[in-house]
Amino acid sequence: MTGSLLFCICLAYFVAAYFIYGGFLKRVFQVDPNRPTPANTQYDGIDYVPTPKMVLFGHHFASIAGPGPIVGPIMAAYFGWLPALIWILIGCVFVGAFHDFAALTLSVRNRGRSISYIMERLMGITGRQLFLIFCFACLVLIVAIFTLLIAGMFASIPAVATASLVFIGMAPIFALVTIKGRVSLKSASFVFVPLVFLTVLIGNLFPLDLNAMFGMEKADATLVWIGVLAVYIFAASVVPVQWLLQPRDYLNSYLLYGMLALGFVSILAYNPEIKLTAFEGMAAITADGNLTQMIPALFIFIACGACSGFHALVASGTTSKQLKSEKDLLPIGYGGMILEGVLGVMALVAVMSMDPAVFFEVGKNQPMAFAQGIASFATALGISQTYAAIFISLAISAFMMTSLDTATRLGRFLWQELFMPRQYEKVEGQDELQEIKMKKEIAPWRKAITNPFLAAFIIVGLAMLMAMTGSAASIWPIFGASNQLMAALTFLAITLYLLMKQSKWYIAFIPMVFMMVMSLWGIVQIVNQQWGQNLVLVLSGVFLLAMAILMVILGLFIMAHHFKLLRQGSLKSMA
């Protein structure tokens, strides 16, 4: 079998899964295009804005993608390409895409609120606060890590810095033309989308090389770019979505579509031979040079290509507030993740044609391995391997920026929610909850601490402190496991929701148990390995374990209570 045949088979599988399992989920969650969405009922012109499907898909896909679908599969390929492929195919369809779709649906059904508020409705105020603290800590780490990665890339590849800044400048102009100028989205896209690809050339012609311009060393240039990025993400987290975040993500999505199209056509034209070993065994030497057990590492390495907890924060944090109609739930929530699965398979095919010895070295830099693999295939189209590699590298960096600004905005939301009062209370003499009607104004101290600008300053400040001191890098190993643990906790909420609806709760319970076991296993391994060596890493792992165990215990008690009510026939279906 060749790489192109394998890729086509996987592509057909994903298309079939979208219509078959996606259609099944539509019926389970009773998607109704006539049901009004929060973007319409709570329109505020800042966060709640009804958005055309293509624009919102671009924002959502660009936000959840980043480098994850490329990095994870290539990291896992050290165990052989077959285990990675199997997890992508099964995990994406039955775990990840379901997770994203359900998180988006639950948020839309709960006034566009985040998963944390849904946790409160299902698990009480304790469950909400535990989940909020957990997620906020993860987002601070995400912002810090992505800031470091992007600043380092800007310092190393100045052309990337130029292209990214041009993207940012184009976004409000695109918004001005489409909103104030009343130019149709289609007409504006005909002009601006080609300009997006032109920025690749502009970046190469006018690289912002701080070393050449000011004689800065790479370390100093990185610090400067960290400062620039801090200003940008602060603005991106408070400016109305339709003026910066939305148009930038929409335009950036075409860069990723272009990269996907280039990869697809190049794979078909080159028809690469599979040289990489299919299965190396239950343990292998991975990119860090250590002997690693495939279980649970495989399921932690491959997050965005199969399942990622960060996606639930995106779906319930920004996407749900912009969904124009429930008919867009499946293509955006489920379809966005399916496309990530396609990108994950493409990343595997990109390295399958490499000799094992070559891959062992090149695979240590996953974005470079992907760019090198696809660029070599592009030669079959008469495209220069050098230019193809530059284009792919710029596309990857652009989407790291998208994930960065979205994560910052989500962190701002979570900080505000952390200090908001209880939203639900029990109905006297009954086992159900009702939303509290706020008769009094929110206390002045709550208003002050939840101010959007203060909230944005706090998450940006904490993340930049970690980035500049380098402490973010020291706890990077725990990030993958914590991300998957976030997905497991989201599945806990989905399970409770379906149980209260008296629907097929087990379709969420099974992936919840699997993800919970794999992520907790991974964290325990990291804590054990780093004990006595890295105090920050150990404390972070213990903290995550403690909160996850508390939430699981609370969830099990709630599930047991609902099963009791079901047996008694007194459980009312959740709307």
Protein backbone atom coordinates (compact mmCIF):
# COMPACT_ATOMS: atom_id res chain seq x y z
CA MET A 1 0.00 0.00 0.00
CA THR A 2 1.24 3.51 -0.81
CA GLY A 3 0.79 6.67 1.24
CA SER A 4 -1.67 8.16 -1.26
CA LEU A 5 -3.96 5.10 -1.22
CA LEU A 6 -3.91 5.02 2.57
CA PHE A 7 -4.72 8.73 2.73
CA CYS A 8 -7.67 8.36 0.32
CA ILE A 9 -9.09 5.43 2.33
CA CYS A 10 -8.89 7.49 5.52
CA LEU A 11 -10.49 10.48 3.79
CA ALA A 12 -13.45 8.32 2.66
CA TYR A 13 -13.77 6.96 6.21
CA PHE A 14 -13.96 10.47 7.69
CA VAL A 15 -16.61 11.56 5.17
CA ALA A 16 -18.74 8.51 5.94
CA ALA A 17 -18.30 9.05 9.70
CA TYR A 18 -19.47 12.67 9.42
CA PHE A 19 -22.79 11.67 7.91
CA ILE A 20 -23.36 8.40 9.79
CA TYR A 21 -22.15 9.01 13.35
CA GLY A 22 -22.61 12.75 13.06
CA GLY A 23 -26.20 12.22 11.96
CA PHE A 24 -26.72 9.87 14.91
CA LEU A 25 -25.48 12.55 17.33
CA LYS A 26 -27.80 15.13 15.75
CA ARG A 27 -30.72 12.87 16.63
CA VAL A 28 -29.46 12.14 20.14
CA PHE A 29 -29.05 15.85 20.94
CA GLN A 30 -32.22 16.78 19.02
CA VAL A 31 -30.70 19.56 16.92
CA ASP A 32 -33.43 22.03 15.94
CA PRO A 33 -32.68 24.79 13.38
CA ASN A 34 -35.74 26.69 14.60
CA ARG A 35 -34.49 26.95 18.18
CA PRO A 36 -33.02 30.47 18.75
CA THR A 37 -29.32 30.60 19.63
CA PRO A 38 -27.63 32.83 22.23
CA ALA A 39 -25.94 34.86 19.48
CA ASN A 40 -29.41 36.12 18.54
CA THR A 41 -31.17 36.22 21.92
CA GLN A 42 -28.24 37.78 23.81
CA TYR A 43 -26.62 39.87 21.11
CA ASP A 44 -24.25 42.45 22.60
CA GLY A 45 -22.00 43.31 19.66
CA ILE A 46 -18.88 42.24 21.58
CA ASP A 47 -18.96 38.51 22.37
CA TYR A 48 -22.48 37.51 21.28
CA VAL A 49 -22.60 38.12 17.54
CA PRO A 50 -24.51 35.94 14.99
CA THR A 51 -21.90 34.94 12.45
CA PRO A 52 -22.06 33.38 8.95
CA LYS A 53 -21.21 29.68 9.00
CA MET A 54 -18.05 29.96 6.88
CA VAL A 55 -16.63 32.77 9.02
CA LEU A 56 -17.39 30.95 12.26
CA PHE A 57 -16.00 27.67 10.90
CA GLY A 58 -12.80 29.53 10.04
CA HIS A 59 -12.56 30.97 13.54
CA HIS A 60 -13.36 27.66 15.25
CA PHE A 61 -11.11 25.49 13.09
CA ALA A 62 -8.19 27.92 13.24
CA SER A 63 -8.55 28.19 17.02
CA ILE A 64 -8.62 24.46 17.75
CA ALA A 65 -6.05 23.42 15.14
CA GLY A 66 -2.79 25.20 15.84
CA PRO A 67 0.20 22.88 15.49
CA GLY A 68 -1.46 20.09 17.51
CA PRO A 69 -2.72 17.83 14.68
CA ILE A 70 0.77 17.93 13.17
CA VAL A 71 2.94 17.66 16.28
CA GLY A 72 1.04 14.88 18.07
CA PRO A 73 0.88 12.23 15.30
CA ILE A 74 4.56 12.73 14.42
CA MET A 75 5.55 12.39 18.09
CA ALA A 76 3.51 9.16 18.27
CA ALA A 77 5.01 7.82 15.02
CA TYR A 78 8.09 6.74 17.02
CA PHE A 79 5.92 3.81 18.14
CA GLY A 80 5.21 3.07 14.46
CA TRP A 81 2.66 4.67 12.16
CA LEU A 82 -0.09 2.04 12.64
CA PRO A 83 -0.95 2.64 16.35
CA ALA A 84 -1.02 6.40 15.70
CA LEU A 85 -3.29 5.95 12.68
CA ILE A 86 -5.71 3.67 14.55
CA TRP A 87 -6.04 6.14 17.44
CA ILE A 88 -6.62 9.05 15.06
CA LEU A 89 -9.32 7.18 13.11
CA ILE A 90 -11.18 5.84 16.16
CA GLY A 91 -10.48 8.69 18.54
CA CYS A 92 -11.37 11.52 16.16
CA VAL A 93 -14.75 10.10 15.14
CA PHE A 94 -16.04 8.56 18.37
CA VAL A 95 -14.24 10.64 20.98
CA GLY A 96 -12.85 13.98 19.78
CA ALA A 97 -15.49 15.09 17.26
CA PHE A 98 -18.26 13.91 19.60
CA HIS A 99 -16.59 15.82 22.47
CA ASP A 100 -16.41 19.07 20.45
CA PHE A 101 -19.95 18.78 19.07
CA ALA A 102 -21.44 17.99 22.48
CA ALA A 103 -19.54 20.79 24.25
CA LEU A 104 -20.76 23.28 21.65
CA THR A 105 -24.34 22.00 21.84
CA LEU A 106 -24.46 22.11 25.65
CA SER A 107 -23.14 25.66 25.66
CA VAL A 108 -25.64 26.82 23.02
CA ARG A 109 -28.45 25.25 25.08
CA ASN A 110 -27.22 27.12 28.15
CA ARG A 111 -27.17 30.70 26.85
CA GLY A 112 -23.68 30.42 25.38
CA ARG A 113 -22.11 29.84 28.74
CA SER A 114 -18.90 27.92 29.21
CA ILE A 115 -18.64 24.30 30.26
CA SER A 116 -17.99 25.53 33.81
CA TYR A 117 -21.55 26.91 34.15
CA ILE A 118 -22.90 23.66 32.78
CA MET A 119 -20.81 21.92 35.43
CA GLU A 120 -22.59 24.03 38.06
CA ARG A 121 -25.99 23.04 36.74
CA LEU A 122 -24.99 19.37 36.75
CA MET A 123 -22.57 19.17 39.70
CA GLY A 124 -23.25 22.22 41.82
CA ILE A 125 -21.08 25.23 42.67
CA THR A 126 -18.24 23.02 43.96
CA GLY A 127 -17.96 21.22 40.63
CA ARG A 128 -18.02 24.54 38.78
CA GLN A 129 -15.26 26.13 40.83
CA LEU A 130 -13.00 23.07 40.69
CA PHE A 131 -13.37 22.91 36.93
CA LEU A 132 -12.79 26.66 36.52
CA ILE A 133 -9.56 26.62 38.54
CA PHE A 134 -8.34 23.59 36.62
CA CYS A 135 -9.10 25.13 33.22
CA PHE A 136 -7.72 28.58 34.09
CA ALA A 137 -4.43 27.02 35.20
CA CYS A 138 -4.24 25.09 31.91
CA LEU A 139 -4.95 28.21 29.86
CA VAL A 140 -2.23 30.23 31.61
CA LEU A 141 0.18 27.45 30.67
CA ILE A 142 -1.11 27.36 27.07
CA VAL A 143 -0.70 31.13 26.65
CA ALA A 144 2.80 31.02 28.16
CA ILE A 145 3.98 28.08 26.06
CA PHE A 146 2.56 29.41 22.78
CA THR A 147 4.01 32.86 23.48
CA LEU A 148 7.45 31.30 23.96
CA LEU A 149 7.14 29.19 20.81
CA ILE A 150 5.91 32.05 18.62
CA ALA A 151 8.41 34.59 19.98
CA GLY A 152 11.20 32.10 19.38
CA MET A 153 9.97 31.48 15.83
CA PHE A 154 9.77 35.23 15.14
CA ALA A 155 13.36 35.62 16.34
CA SER A 156 14.60 32.62 14.32
CA ILE A 157 12.53 33.13 11.15
CA PRO A 158 11.91 36.91 10.76
CA ALA A 159 9.74 36.34 7.66
CA VAL A 160 7.18 34.67 9.92
CA ALA A 161 7.04 37.77 12.13
CA THR A 162 6.35 40.02 9.13
CA ALA A 163 3.61 37.78 7.73
CA SER A 164 1.92 37.44 11.14
CA LEU A 165 1.87 41.20 11.78
CA VAL A 166 0.48 41.82 8.30
CA PHE A 167 -2.29 39.30 9.09
CA ILE A 168 -3.16 41.23 12.23
CA GLY A 169 -3.28 44.54 10.32
CA MET A 170 -5.51 43.09 7.60
CA ALA A 171 -8.15 41.81 10.03
CA PRO A 172 -9.73 45.13 11.15
CA ILE A 173 -9.58 46.42 7.55
CA PHE A 174 -11.48 43.34 6.38
CA ALA A 175 -14.02 43.89 9.20
CA LEU A 176 -14.38 47.57 8.29
CA VAL A 177 -15.06 46.71 4.65
CA THR A 178 -17.60 43.98 5.40
CA ILE A 179 -19.36 45.64 8.35
CA LYS A 180 -19.24 49.38 7.74
CA GLY A 181 -18.69 49.24 3.99
CA ARG A 182 -21.46 46.65 3.63
CA VAL A 183 -19.42 44.67 1.11
CA SER A 184 -20.55 41.05 0.96
CA LEU A 185 -18.37 38.42 2.57
CA LYS A 186 -17.93 36.69 -0.77
CA SER A 187 -16.82 39.84 -2.58
CA ALA A 188 -14.43 40.87 0.20
CA SER A 189 -12.97 37.36 0.29
CA PHE A 190 -12.11 37.55 -3.42
CA VAL A 191 -9.85 40.50 -2.60
CA PHE A 192 -8.48 39.67 0.85
CA VAL A 193 -7.86 35.92 0.54
CA PRO A 194 -5.27 36.39 -2.26
CA LEU A 195 -3.68 39.08 -0.07
CA VAL A 196 -3.31 36.47 2.67
CA PHE A 197 -1.12 34.37 0.39
CA LEU A 198 0.70 37.50 -0.74
CA THR A 199 1.85 38.07 2.84
CA VAL A 200 4.02 34.96 2.47
CA LEU A 201 5.95 36.79 -0.25
CA ILE A 202 5.96 40.04 1.75
CA GLY A 203 7.42 38.19 4.71
CA ASN A 204 10.24 36.82 2.58
CA LEU A 205 10.96 40.21 1.01
CA PHE A 206 10.81 42.29 4.21
CA PRO A 207 11.72 40.06 7.18
CA LEU A 208 11.63 41.79 10.57
CA ASP A 209 15.10 40.67 11.56
CA LEU A 210 15.84 42.40 14.89
CA ASN A 211 19.40 41.14 14.80
CA ALA A 212 20.10 42.81 11.45
CA MET A 213 18.12 45.95 12.32
CA PHE A 214 19.28 46.56 15.91
CA GLY A 215 22.09 44.05 16.47
CA MET A 216 20.04 42.06 18.98
CA GLU A 217 20.99 38.55 20.02
CA LYS A 218 18.33 35.88 19.61
CA ALA A 219 17.54 35.81 23.35
CA ASP A 220 16.98 39.59 23.44
CA ALA A 221 14.92 39.49 20.24
CA THR A 222 12.75 36.75 21.78
CA LEU A 223 12.06 38.93 24.83
CA VAL A 224 11.08 41.85 22.57
CA TRP A 225 8.67 39.63 20.65
CA ILE A 226 7.22 38.35 23.93
CA GLY A 227 6.42 41.96 24.82
CA VAL A 228 4.85 42.63 21.41
CA LEU A 229 2.75 39.49 21.67
CA ALA A 230 1.62 40.44 25.18
CA VAL A 231 0.22 43.74 23.88
CA TYR A 232 -1.48 42.02 20.95
CA ILE A 233 -3.17 39.22 22.92
CA PHE A 234 -4.35 41.70 25.57
CA ALA A 235 -6.08 43.70 22.84
CA ALA A 236 -7.40 40.58 21.12
CA SER A 237 -9.04 39.41 24.35
CA VAL A 238 -11.07 42.60 24.92
CA VAL A 239 -11.76 44.00 21.43
CA PRO A 240 -15.18 42.97 19.98
CA VAL A 241 -14.79 39.63 18.20
CA GLN A 242 -16.06 40.89 14.84
CA TRP A 243 -13.27 43.49 14.61
CA LEU A 244 -10.16 41.39 15.20
CA LEU A 245 -10.51 37.77 16.32
CA GLN A 246 -13.24 36.78 13.87
CA PRO A 247 -11.82 38.27 10.64
CA ARG A 248 -8.23 37.27 11.44
CA ASP A 249 -9.22 33.68 12.11
CA TYR A 250 -11.41 33.62 9.01
CA LEU A 251 -8.61 34.87 6.75
CA ASN A 252 -6.04 32.62 8.42
CA SER A 253 -8.25 29.59 7.83
CA TYR A 254 -7.69 29.98 4.07
CA LEU A 255 -3.97 29.67 4.68
CA LEU A 256 -4.61 26.36 6.39
CA TYR A 257 -7.02 25.29 3.64
CA GLY A 258 -4.26 26.11 1.16
CA MET A 259 -1.79 24.01 3.13
CA LEU A 260 -4.29 21.12 3.26
CA ALA A 261 -4.94 21.41 -0.48
CA LEU A 262 -1.23 21.47 -1.24
CA GLY A 263 -0.69 18.44 0.96
CA PHE A 264 -3.59 16.49 -0.56
CA VAL A 265 -2.65 17.14 -4.19
CA SER A 266 1.05 16.58 -3.50
CA ILE A 267 0.41 13.22 -1.83
CA LEU A 268 -1.69 12.07 -4.79
CA ALA A 269 0.87 13.28 -7.33
CA TYR A 270 3.95 11.92 -5.55
CA ASN A 271 2.33 8.65 -4.39
CA PRO A 272 4.90 8.14 -1.59
CA GLU A 273 6.12 4.71 -0.62
CA ILE A 274 5.65 3.76 3.03
CA LYS A 275 9.11 3.19 4.55
CA LEU A 276 8.46 3.85 8.22
CA THR A 277 7.93 0.80 10.43
CA ALA A 278 4.25 0.05 11.11
CA PHE A 279 4.78 -1.04 14.73
CA GLU A 280 7.88 -0.67 16.87
CA GLY A 281 6.53 -2.46 19.93
CA MET A 282 4.89 -1.49 23.22
CA ALA A 283 7.87 0.74 24.05
CA ALA A 284 10.15 2.86 21.88
CA ILE A 285 12.82 5.56 22.04
CA THR A 286 10.84 8.76 21.42
CA ALA A 287 11.88 12.27 20.33
CA ASP A 288 13.18 13.14 23.81
CA GLY A 289 15.65 10.23 23.63
CA ASN A 290 13.95 8.26 26.43
CA LEU A 291 12.43 4.79 26.34
CA THR A 292 8.68 5.46 26.53
CA GLN A 293 5.80 3.04 27.03
CA MET A 294 3.23 3.32 24.24
CA ILE A 295 0.38 3.20 26.75
CA PRO A 296 -0.57 5.79 27.92
CA ALA A 297 1.85 8.00 25.90
CA LEU A 298 0.13 7.39 22.54
CA PHE A 299 -3.18 8.80 23.80
CA ILE A 300 -1.48 11.82 25.36
CA PHE A 301 0.84 12.64 22.45
CA ILE A 302 -2.06 12.67 19.96
CA ALA A 303 -4.51 15.21 21.36
CA CYS A 304 -5.76 17.59 18.68
CA GLY A 305 -5.79 14.85 16.01
CA ALA A 306 -8.01 12.60 18.14
CA CYS A 307 -9.35 14.42 21.23
CA SER A 308 -8.39 17.63 23.04
CA GLY A 309 -9.92 19.23 26.12
CA PHE A 310 -8.92 22.69 24.90
CA HIS A 311 -11.52 22.33 22.14
CA ALA A 312 -14.35 22.32 24.69
CA LEU A 313 -13.16 25.69 25.98
CA VAL A 314 -13.12 27.09 22.45
CA ALA A 315 -16.53 25.61 21.58
CA SER A 316 -18.21 26.87 24.76
CA GLY A 317 -16.12 30.01 25.17
CA THR A 318 -16.25 31.83 21.83
CA THR A 319 -17.89 29.66 19.15
CA SER A 320 -21.20 29.11 20.98
CA LYS A 321 -21.65 32.87 21.36
CA GLN A 322 -21.42 33.36 17.59
CA LEU A 323 -23.48 30.41 16.31
CA LYS A 324 -26.20 31.80 14.05
CA SER A 325 -28.36 28.66 13.91
CA GLU A 326 -28.38 25.18 15.41
CA LYS A 327 -28.12 23.76 11.88
CA ASP A 328 -24.46 24.88 12.04
CA LEU A 329 -23.73 22.74 15.12
CA LEU A 330 -22.71 19.63 13.19
CA PRO A 331 -20.55 21.19 10.45
CA ILE A 332 -18.71 23.44 12.91
CA GLY A 333 -18.54 21.29 16.07
CA TYR A 334 -18.22 17.83 14.53
CA GLY A 335 -16.90 18.78 11.09
CA GLY A 336 -14.12 20.99 12.46
CA MET A 337 -12.66 18.08 14.41
CA ILE A 338 -13.05 15.68 11.47
CA LEU A 339 -10.93 18.06 9.38
CA GLU A 340 -8.34 17.99 12.16
CA GLY A 341 -8.31 14.21 11.88
CA VAL A 342 -7.60 14.56 8.15
CA LEU A 343 -4.68 16.86 8.97
CA GLY A 344 -3.42 14.34 11.53
CA VAL A 345 -3.40 11.55 8.93
CA MET A 346 -1.63 13.90 6.49
CA ALA A 347 1.06 14.51 9.11
CA LEU A 348 1.60 10.76 9.41
CA VAL A 349 1.82 10.32 5.64
CA ALA A 350 4.36 13.16 5.51
CA VAL A 351 6.82 11.13 7.61
CA MET A 352 5.89 7.62 6.43
CA SER A 353 8.05 8.00 3.33
CA MET A 354 11.17 8.76 5.38
CA ASP A 355 13.74 6.12 6.18
CA PRO A 356 13.50 5.19 9.88
CA ALA A 357 16.98 6.56 10.61
CA VAL A 358 16.15 9.87 8.93
CA PHE A 359 12.81 10.15 10.72
CA PHE A 360 14.40 9.48 14.10
CA GLU A 361 16.40 12.70 13.75
CA VAL A 362 14.02 14.91 11.73
CA GLY A 363 11.01 13.91 13.85
CA LYS A 364 12.47 15.69 16.87
CA ASN A 365 11.24 18.95 15.28
CA GLN A 366 7.71 17.95 14.30
CA PRO A 367 6.66 21.08 12.32
CA MET A 368 9.92 20.90 10.37
CA ALA A 369 9.40 17.17 9.69
CA PHE A 370 5.89 17.87 8.37
CA ALA A 371 7.07 20.77 6.20
CA GLN A 372 9.96 18.76 4.84
CA GLY A 373 7.77 15.74 4.05
CA ILE A 374 4.98 17.61 2.26
CA ALA A 375 7.47 19.91 0.50
CA SER A 376 9.26 16.87 -0.93
CA PHE A 377 5.93 15.59 -2.28
CA ALA A 378 5.22 19.02 -3.82
CA THR A 379 8.18 18.58 -6.17
CA ALA A 380 5.94 16.21 -8.17
CA LEU A 381 3.84 19.31 -8.99
CA GLY A 382 6.88 21.28 -10.13
CA ILE A 383 6.92 23.38 -6.95
CA SER A 384 10.25 24.23 -5.38
CA GLN A 385 10.79 22.21 -2.21
CA THR A 386 12.32 25.27 -0.52
CA TYR A 387 9.35 27.56 -1.21
CA ALA A 388 6.84 24.85 -0.30
CA ALA A 389 8.60 24.33 3.05
CA ILE A 390 8.57 28.08 3.76
CA PHE A 391 4.85 28.33 2.95
CA ILE A 392 4.00 25.40 5.23
CA SER A 393 6.12 26.79 8.07
CA LEU A 394 4.37 30.17 7.79
CA ALA A 395 0.96 28.47 7.80
CA ILE A 396 1.80 26.57 10.99
CA SER A 397 3.06 29.72 12.73
CA ALA A 398 -0.07 31.65 11.73
CA PHE A 399 -2.25 29.09 13.43
CA MET A 400 -0.16 29.08 16.55
CA MET A 401 -1.03 32.79 16.72
CA THR A 402 -4.72 31.99 16.34
CA SER A 403 -4.63 29.47 19.18
CA LEU A 404 -2.74 32.00 21.30
CA ASP A 405 -5.22 34.87 21.01
CA THR A 406 -8.22 32.56 21.42
CA ALA A 407 -6.71 30.99 24.55
CA THR A 408 -6.17 34.46 26.03
CA ARG A 409 -9.78 35.46 25.43
CA LEU A 410 -10.96 32.18 26.96
CA GLY A 411 -8.77 32.81 30.00
CA ARG A 412 -10.40 36.20 30.40
CA PHE A 413 -13.84 34.56 30.34
CA LEU A 414 -12.86 31.92 32.90
CA TRP A 415 -11.37 34.46 35.31
CA GLN A 416 -14.60 36.45 35.19
CA GLU A 417 -16.70 33.33 35.72
CA LEU A 418 -14.55 32.22 38.66
CA PHE A 419 -15.77 35.18 40.73
CA MET A 420 -19.36 35.23 39.58
CA PRO A 421 -21.98 34.22 42.17
CA ARG A 422 -23.94 30.97 42.19
CA GLN A 423 -26.23 30.70 39.16
CA TYR A 424 -28.46 27.80 40.18
CA GLU A 425 -30.17 26.65 43.37
CA LYS A 426 -32.27 23.66 44.34
CA VAL A 427 -36.03 23.93 44.19
CA GLU A 428 -37.33 23.53 47.72
CA GLY A 429 -38.52 20.00 48.40
CA GLN A 430 -37.37 18.72 44.98
CA ASP A 431 -34.23 17.28 43.40
CA GLU A 432 -34.08 19.67 40.45
CA LEU A 433 -32.32 23.00 39.96
CA GLN A 434 -33.59 26.33 38.78
CA GLU A 435 -31.68 29.37 37.63
CA ILE A 436 -31.41 32.09 40.24
CA LYS A 437 -33.08 35.35 39.23
CA MET A 438 -30.63 38.09 40.08
CA LYS A 439 -32.77 40.68 41.85
CA LYS A 440 -29.88 42.60 43.35
CA GLU A 441 -26.91 44.11 41.64
CA ILE A 442 -23.67 42.16 41.67
CA ALA A 443 -21.49 43.21 44.61
CA PRO A 444 -19.05 46.04 43.79
CA TRP A 445 -16.02 43.86 44.56
CA ARG A 446 -17.24 41.26 42.07
CA LYS A 447 -17.74 43.95 39.44
CA ALA A 448 -14.21 45.22 39.99
CA ILE A 449 -12.43 41.88 39.91
CA THR A 450 -14.41 40.64 36.90
CA ASN A 451 -13.78 43.76 34.83
CA PRO A 452 -12.82 42.50 31.33
CA PHE A 453 -9.66 44.63 31.19
CA LEU A 454 -8.49 43.52 34.63
CA ALA A 455 -9.27 39.87 33.80
CA ALA A 456 -7.28 40.15 30.55
CA PHE A 457 -4.39 41.82 32.36
CA ILE A 458 -4.26 39.03 34.94
CA ILE A 459 -4.08 36.13 32.50
CA VAL A 460 -1.63 37.96 30.21
CA GLY A 461 0.48 39.01 33.20
CA LEU A 462 0.65 35.50 34.71
CA ALA A 463 1.42 33.91 31.34
CA MET A 464 4.13 36.45 30.48
CA LEU A 465 5.72 35.99 33.90
CA MET A 466 5.95 32.26 33.24
CA ALA A 467 7.23 32.82 29.69
CA MET A 468 9.94 35.33 30.65
CA THR A 469 11.19 33.33 33.64
CA GLY A 470 11.21 30.11 31.63
CA SER A 471 9.07 28.30 34.21
CA ALA A 472 6.54 27.45 31.54
CA ALA A 473 9.04 25.21 29.79
CA SER A 474 9.70 23.28 33.00
CA ILE A 475 6.09 22.08 33.28
CA TRP A 476 5.52 21.46 29.55
CA PRO A 477 5.59 17.65 30.06
CA ILE A 478 2.45 17.87 32.20
CA PHE A 479 0.51 19.89 29.62
CA GLY A 480 -0.47 17.00 27.33
CA ALA A 481 -1.87 14.90 30.17
CA SER A 482 -3.71 17.88 31.70
CA ASN A 483 -5.25 18.69 28.32
CA GLN A 484 -6.59 15.13 27.99
CA LEU A 485 -7.79 15.23 31.59
CA MET A 486 -9.77 18.35 30.70
CA ALA A 487 -11.47 16.36 27.92
CA ALA A 488 -12.32 13.57 30.37
CA LEU A 489 -13.92 16.08 32.76
CA THR A 490 -15.91 17.56 29.90
CA PHE A 491 -17.14 14.06 29.05
CA LEU A 492 -18.24 13.79 32.68
CA ALA A 493 -20.50 16.81 32.13
CA ILE A 494 -21.78 15.38 28.83
CA THR A 495 -22.56 12.05 30.54
CA LEU A 496 -24.54 13.76 33.28
CA TYR A 497 -26.39 15.88 30.72
CA LEU A 498 -27.46 12.85 28.69
CA LEU A 499 -28.36 10.96 31.86
CA MET A 500 -30.63 13.80 32.96
CA LYS A 501 -32.18 13.84 29.48
CA GLN A 502 -32.70 10.07 29.89
CA SER A 503 -30.88 9.62 26.61
CA LYS A 504 -27.94 7.43 25.49
CA TRP A 505 -25.60 8.50 28.31
CA TYR A 506 -23.25 5.54 27.81
CA ILE A 507 -21.90 6.92 24.50
CA ALA A 508 -20.23 9.66 26.59
CA PHE A 509 -19.51 7.53 29.68
CA ILE A 510 -17.29 5.05 27.81
CA PRO A 511 -14.90 7.67 26.31
CA MET A 512 -14.97 9.51 29.65
CA VAL A 513 -13.65 6.44 31.51
CA PHE A 514 -11.04 5.77 28.82
CA MET A 515 -9.73 9.36 28.71
CA MET A 516 -9.78 9.60 32.51
CA VAL A 517 -7.71 6.43 32.94
CA MET A 518 -5.16 7.40 30.25
CA SER A 519 -4.68 10.98 31.46
CA LEU A 520 -4.45 10.11 35.17
CA TRP A 521 -2.04 7.31 34.31
CA GLY A 522 0.09 9.76 32.35
CA ILE A 523 0.18 12.32 35.18
CA VAL A 524 1.10 9.68 37.76
CA GLN A 525 3.97 8.55 35.49
CA ILE A 526 5.27 12.12 35.16
CA VAL A 527 5.08 12.76 38.91
CA ASN A 528 6.89 9.49 39.59
CA GLN A 529 9.63 10.25 37.02
CA GLN A 530 10.19 13.82 38.22
CA TRP A 531 9.97 13.15 41.96
CA GLY A 532 12.96 14.78 43.63
CA GLN A 533 14.08 16.41 40.36
CA ASN A 534 11.51 18.99 39.30
CA LEU A 535 9.47 20.40 42.18
CA VAL A 536 7.30 22.62 39.95
CA LEU A 537 6.35 19.67 37.76
CA VAL A 538 5.60 17.41 40.73
CA LEU A 539 3.45 20.02 42.50
CA SER A 540 1.55 20.75 39.27
CA GLY A 541 0.88 17.05 38.76
CA VAL A 542 -0.30 16.52 42.34
CA PHE A 543 -2.56 19.57 42.08
CA LEU A 544 -4.16 18.31 38.86
CA LEU A 545 -4.58 14.80 40.26
CA ALA A 546 -6.24 16.08 43.42
CA MET A 547 -8.77 18.25 41.61
CA ALA A 548 -9.56 15.58 39.03
CA ILE A 549 -10.13 12.95 41.72
CA LEU A 550 -12.39 15.33 43.66
CA MET A 551 -14.45 15.99 40.52
CA VAL A 552 -14.69 12.29 39.69
CA ILE A 553 -15.88 11.46 43.21
CA LEU A 554 -18.45 14.26 43.06
CA GLY A 555 -19.58 13.10 39.60
CA LEU A 556 -19.97 9.48 40.73
CA PHE A 557 -22.12 10.54 43.68
CA ILE A 558 -24.33 12.60 41.36
CA MET A 559 -24.61 9.74 38.85
CA ALA A 560 -25.55 7.30 41.63
CA HIS A 561 -28.22 9.74 42.82
CA HIS A 562 -29.69 10.08 39.32
CA PHE A 563 -29.70 6.31 38.81
CA LYS A 564 -31.65 6.04 42.06
CA LEU A 565 -34.16 8.59 40.80
CA LEU A 566 -34.43 6.71 37.50
CA ARG A 567 -35.26 3.50 39.33
CA GLN A 568 -37.90 5.40 41.30
CA GLY A 569 -39.22 6.98 38.10
CA SER A 570 -38.95 10.49 39.53
CA LEU A 571 -36.14 11.96 37.42
CA LYS A 572 -37.36 14.79 35.20
CA SER A 573 -35.76 15.13 31.76
CA MET A 574 -33.35 18.05 31.43
CA ALA A 575 -34.34 20.59 28.80
